[in-house]
Amino acid sequence: TAGTLVATSVEGEIDVADDAPDEGDADIEGYVSDLAGSSPDFTFLLNGMSVRTNAATEGLQFVLPNGHVEAEGAVSNGILTADSIKSR
């Protein structure tokens, strides 16, 4: 296992592949912590889950320290690569 996910709110559902418990699609809401990097290549924690962004991520302007956001994307090896970030 890659760690423990503690969420105060989860919208949608996490679809988990049977043979890869730390992979699938996720939709996670929470407050940005441990923000590092610069746009478009941020890394941060969202309710304890590692999130990363890239040039294809929509909504990069919402990635701020302590920002309340929702991140949607694919999880691989316990890291969510965000397709989109929305302000909450």
N, C-alpha and C. Protein backbone atom coordinates (compact mmCIF):
# COMPACT_ATOMS: atom_id res chain seq x y z
N THR A 1 0.83 -1.19 0.00
CA THR A 1 0.00 0.00 0.00
C THR A 1 0.87 1.24 0.00
N ALA A 2 0.34 2.32 -0.56
CA ALA A 2 1.09 3.55 -0.68
C ALA A 2 0.86 4.49 0.49
N GLY A 3 -0.10 4.21 1.35
CA GLY A 3 -0.36 5.09 2.47
C GLY A 3 -1.84 5.11 2.79
N THR A 4 -2.22 6.05 3.65
CA THR A 4 -3.59 6.15 4.08
C THR A 4 -4.19 7.42 3.54
N LEU A 5 -5.39 7.33 3.00
CA LEU A 5 -6.10 8.48 2.49
C LEU A 5 -7.18 8.85 3.50
N VAL A 6 -7.11 10.09 4.01
CA VAL A 6 -8.12 10.58 4.93
C VAL A 6 -8.76 11.79 4.26
N ALA A 7 -10.04 11.69 3.94
CA ALA A 7 -10.71 12.77 3.23
C ALA A 7 -11.85 13.31 4.09
N THR A 8 -12.00 14.63 4.09
CA THR A 8 -13.15 15.23 4.76
C THR A 8 -14.34 15.24 3.83
N SER A 9 -14.07 15.15 2.52
CA SER A 9 -15.14 15.12 1.53
C SER A 9 -14.63 14.47 0.27
N VAL A 10 -15.43 13.57 -0.29
CA VAL A 10 -15.10 12.94 -1.56
C VAL A 10 -16.33 12.99 -2.43
N GLU A 11 -16.20 13.57 -3.62
CA GLU A 11 -17.31 13.62 -4.55
C GLU A 11 -17.08 12.59 -5.63
N GLY A 12 -18.13 11.92 -6.05
CA GLY A 12 -17.99 10.87 -7.05
C GLY A 12 -17.50 9.61 -6.36
N GLU A 13 -16.79 8.81 -7.11
CA GLU A 13 -16.26 7.59 -6.53
C GLU A 13 -14.89 7.31 -7.09
N ILE A 14 -14.15 6.51 -6.37
CA ILE A 14 -12.84 6.08 -6.83
C ILE A 14 -12.99 4.69 -7.39
N ASP A 15 -12.71 4.54 -8.68
CA ASP A 15 -12.77 3.24 -9.32
C ASP A 15 -11.40 2.60 -9.20
N VAL A 16 -11.33 1.46 -8.54
CA VAL A 16 -10.06 0.83 -8.26
C VAL A 16 -9.93 -0.44 -9.06
N ALA A 17 -8.80 -0.59 -9.75
CA ALA A 17 -8.54 -1.82 -10.49
C ALA A 17 -8.30 -2.96 -9.51
N ASP A 18 -8.81 -4.15 -9.83
CA ASP A 18 -8.71 -5.28 -8.91
C ASP A 18 -7.28 -5.63 -8.55
N ASP A 19 -6.37 -5.54 -9.51
CA ASP A 19 -4.99 -5.96 -9.25
C ASP A 19 -4.07 -4.81 -8.89
N ALA A 20 -4.59 -3.59 -8.80
CA ALA A 20 -3.75 -2.43 -8.47
C ALA A 20 -4.52 -1.51 -7.54
N PRO A 21 -4.50 -1.77 -6.23
CA PRO A 21 -5.31 -1.00 -5.30
C PRO A 21 -4.97 0.48 -5.20
N ASP A 22 -3.81 0.88 -5.72
CA ASP A 22 -3.46 2.30 -5.66
C ASP A 22 -3.57 2.95 -7.04
N GLU A 23 -4.43 2.40 -7.89
CA GLU A 23 -4.63 2.96 -9.22
C GLU A 23 -6.11 3.08 -9.53
N GLY A 24 -6.47 4.01 -10.39
CA GLY A 24 -7.85 4.23 -10.80
C GLY A 24 -8.09 5.71 -11.00
N ASP A 25 -9.35 6.09 -11.10
CA ASP A 25 -9.73 7.49 -11.26
C ASP A 25 -10.22 8.01 -9.92
N ALA A 26 -9.87 9.26 -9.61
CA ALA A 26 -10.26 9.84 -8.33
C ALA A 26 -10.75 11.26 -8.50
N ASP A 27 -11.61 11.66 -7.57
CA ASP A 27 -12.18 12.99 -7.50
C ASP A 27 -12.10 13.36 -6.01
N ILE A 28 -11.10 14.15 -5.62
CA ILE A 28 -10.81 14.42 -4.22
C ILE A 28 -10.95 15.91 -3.93
N GLU A 29 -11.60 16.24 -2.82
CA GLU A 29 -11.76 17.63 -2.40
C GLU A 29 -11.07 17.84 -1.06
N GLY A 30 -10.42 18.99 -0.90
CA GLY A 30 -9.78 19.31 0.37
C GLY A 30 -8.96 20.58 0.27
N TYR A 31 -8.07 20.76 1.24
CA TYR A 31 -7.23 21.96 1.30
C TYR A 31 -5.81 21.61 0.91
N VAL A 32 -5.22 22.42 0.04
CA VAL A 32 -3.86 22.21 -0.45
C VAL A 32 -2.87 22.39 0.69
N SER A 33 -1.97 21.40 0.85
CA SER A 33 -0.88 21.53 1.81
C SER A 33 0.40 21.03 1.17
N ASP A 34 1.53 21.39 1.76
CA ASP A 34 2.86 20.98 1.28
C ASP A 34 3.06 21.29 -0.20
N LEU A 35 2.61 22.47 -0.62
CA LEU A 35 2.72 22.89 -2.02
C LEU A 35 4.17 23.12 -2.39
N ALA A 36 4.60 22.52 -3.51
CA ALA A 36 5.97 22.68 -4.02
C ALA A 36 5.91 22.80 -5.53
N GLY A 37 6.99 23.30 -6.10
CA GLY A 37 7.08 23.44 -7.55
C GLY A 37 6.54 24.76 -8.03
N SER A 38 6.45 24.88 -9.33
CA SER A 38 5.91 26.09 -9.94
C SER A 38 5.05 25.69 -11.13
N SER A 39 4.17 26.57 -11.50
CA SER A 39 3.22 26.29 -12.57
C SER A 39 3.96 26.01 -13.87
N PRO A 40 3.62 24.96 -14.58
CA PRO A 40 2.47 24.08 -14.38
C PRO A 40 2.77 22.83 -13.55
N ASP A 41 3.99 22.70 -13.07
CA ASP A 41 4.43 21.46 -12.42
C ASP A 41 4.41 21.56 -10.89
N PHE A 42 3.20 21.58 -10.33
CA PHE A 42 3.04 21.61 -8.88
C PHE A 42 2.97 20.19 -8.32
N THR A 43 3.37 20.04 -7.07
CA THR A 43 3.06 18.85 -6.27
C THR A 43 2.52 19.35 -4.95
N PHE A 44 1.56 18.63 -4.41
CA PHE A 44 0.98 19.02 -3.12
C PHE A 44 0.20 17.85 -2.55
N LEU A 45 -0.21 18.00 -1.30
CA LEU A 45 -1.06 17.02 -0.65
C LEU A 45 -2.48 17.56 -0.58
N LEU A 46 -3.43 16.68 -0.80
CA LEU A 46 -4.84 17.02 -0.68
C LEU A 46 -5.46 15.95 0.21
N ASN A 47 -5.72 16.33 1.47
CA ASN A 47 -6.22 15.36 2.46
C ASN A 47 -5.31 14.15 2.56
N GLY A 48 -4.01 14.39 2.50
CA GLY A 48 -3.04 13.32 2.66
C GLY A 48 -2.68 12.57 1.39
N MET A 49 -3.36 12.85 0.29
CA MET A 49 -3.05 12.18 -0.98
C MET A 49 -2.14 13.06 -1.81
N SER A 50 -1.10 12.47 -2.37
CA SER A 50 -0.17 13.21 -3.24
C SER A 50 -0.85 13.54 -4.56
N VAL A 51 -0.72 14.80 -4.97
CA VAL A 51 -1.30 15.28 -6.22
C VAL A 51 -0.19 15.97 -7.00
N ARG A 52 -0.20 15.78 -8.32
CA ARG A 52 0.73 16.53 -9.16
C ARG A 52 -0.04 17.09 -10.35
N THR A 53 0.47 18.19 -10.86
CA THR A 53 -0.13 18.82 -12.03
C THR A 53 0.91 18.89 -13.14
N ASN A 54 0.43 19.21 -14.33
CA ASN A 54 1.33 19.38 -15.48
C ASN A 54 0.69 20.36 -16.45
N ALA A 55 1.30 20.56 -17.60
CA ALA A 55 0.81 21.54 -18.57
C ALA A 55 -0.59 21.23 -19.08
N ALA A 56 -1.03 19.98 -18.98
CA ALA A 56 -2.36 19.60 -19.45
C ALA A 56 -3.44 19.80 -18.38
N THR A 57 -3.06 20.14 -17.16
CA THR A 57 -4.02 20.30 -16.07
C THR A 57 -4.79 21.61 -16.24
N GLU A 58 -6.12 21.53 -16.20
CA GLU A 58 -6.96 22.73 -16.26
C GLU A 58 -7.16 23.25 -14.84
N GLY A 59 -7.18 24.58 -14.66
CA GLY A 59 -7.46 25.19 -13.37
C GLY A 59 -6.25 25.40 -12.48
N LEU A 60 -5.08 25.51 -13.08
CA LEU A 60 -3.86 25.71 -12.29
C LEU A 60 -3.92 26.98 -11.43
N GLN A 61 -4.71 27.97 -11.83
CA GLN A 61 -4.80 29.22 -11.07
C GLN A 61 -5.39 29.01 -9.68
N PHE A 62 -6.04 27.86 -9.45
CA PHE A 62 -6.65 27.58 -8.15
C PHE A 62 -5.70 26.88 -7.18
N VAL A 63 -4.51 26.51 -7.65
CA VAL A 63 -3.54 25.83 -6.79
C VAL A 63 -2.80 26.89 -5.98
N LEU A 64 -3.21 27.04 -4.72
CA LEU A 64 -2.65 28.04 -3.81
C LEU A 64 -2.47 27.39 -2.44
N PRO A 65 -1.51 27.85 -1.64
CA PRO A 65 -1.37 27.31 -0.29
C PRO A 65 -2.70 27.43 0.48
N ASN A 66 -3.14 26.34 1.07
CA ASN A 66 -4.38 26.28 1.84
C ASN A 66 -5.64 26.51 1.01
N GLY A 67 -5.51 26.52 -0.32
CA GLY A 67 -6.68 26.68 -1.18
C GLY A 67 -7.62 25.49 -1.07
N HIS A 68 -8.91 25.75 -1.06
CA HIS A 68 -9.92 24.69 -1.00
C HIS A 68 -10.26 24.31 -2.44
N VAL A 69 -9.86 23.11 -2.85
CA VAL A 69 -10.00 22.70 -4.24
C VAL A 69 -10.54 21.27 -4.36
N GLU A 70 -10.93 20.96 -5.56
CA GLU A 70 -11.28 19.59 -5.95
C GLU A 70 -10.34 19.21 -7.09
N ALA A 71 -9.69 18.07 -6.97
CA ALA A 71 -8.78 17.58 -8.00
C ALA A 71 -9.38 16.32 -8.60
N GLU A 72 -9.39 16.25 -9.93
CA GLU A 72 -9.88 15.08 -10.64
C GLU A 72 -8.77 14.57 -11.53
N GLY A 73 -8.62 13.25 -11.58
CA GLY A 73 -7.62 12.68 -12.45
C GLY A 73 -7.38 11.22 -12.19
N ALA A 74 -6.30 10.73 -12.75
CA ALA A 74 -5.94 9.32 -12.64
C ALA A 74 -4.91 9.13 -11.53
N VAL A 75 -5.08 8.04 -10.78
CA VAL A 75 -4.15 7.69 -9.72
C VAL A 75 -3.26 6.55 -10.22
N SER A 76 -1.96 6.74 -10.06
CA SER A 76 -0.99 5.71 -10.39
C SER A 76 0.07 5.69 -9.31
N ASN A 77 0.34 4.53 -8.77
CA ASN A 77 1.30 4.39 -7.68
C ASN A 77 1.00 5.31 -6.52
N GLY A 78 -0.29 5.53 -6.24
CA GLY A 78 -0.70 6.34 -5.11
C GLY A 78 -0.63 7.84 -5.32
N ILE A 79 -0.33 8.29 -6.53
CA ILE A 79 -0.24 9.72 -6.84
C ILE A 79 -1.32 10.08 -7.85
N LEU A 80 -2.12 11.10 -7.53
CA LEU A 80 -3.14 11.57 -8.45
C LEU A 80 -2.52 12.60 -9.40
N THR A 81 -2.55 12.34 -10.69
CA THR A 81 -2.14 13.32 -11.69
C THR A 81 -3.40 14.01 -12.15
N ALA A 82 -3.53 15.29 -11.80
CA ALA A 82 -4.77 16.03 -11.99
C ALA A 82 -5.00 16.42 -13.44
N ASP A 83 -6.19 16.06 -13.94
CA ASP A 83 -6.66 16.56 -15.24
C ASP A 83 -7.26 17.94 -15.06
N SER A 84 -7.91 18.14 -13.88
CA SER A 84 -8.51 19.43 -13.61
C SER A 84 -8.50 19.72 -12.11
N ILE A 85 -8.43 21.02 -11.83
CA ILE A 85 -8.51 21.54 -10.46
C ILE A 85 -9.64 22.55 -10.46
N LYS A 86 -10.55 22.43 -9.49
CA LYS A 86 -11.67 23.38 -9.37
C LYS A 86 -11.65 23.99 -7.99
N SER A 87 -11.99 25.27 -7.92
CA SER A 87 -12.10 25.96 -6.63
C SER A 87 -13.37 25.50 -5.93
N ARG A 88 -13.30 25.35 -4.62
CA ARG A 88 -14.48 24.95 -3.83
C ARG A 88 -14.76 25.96 -2.77
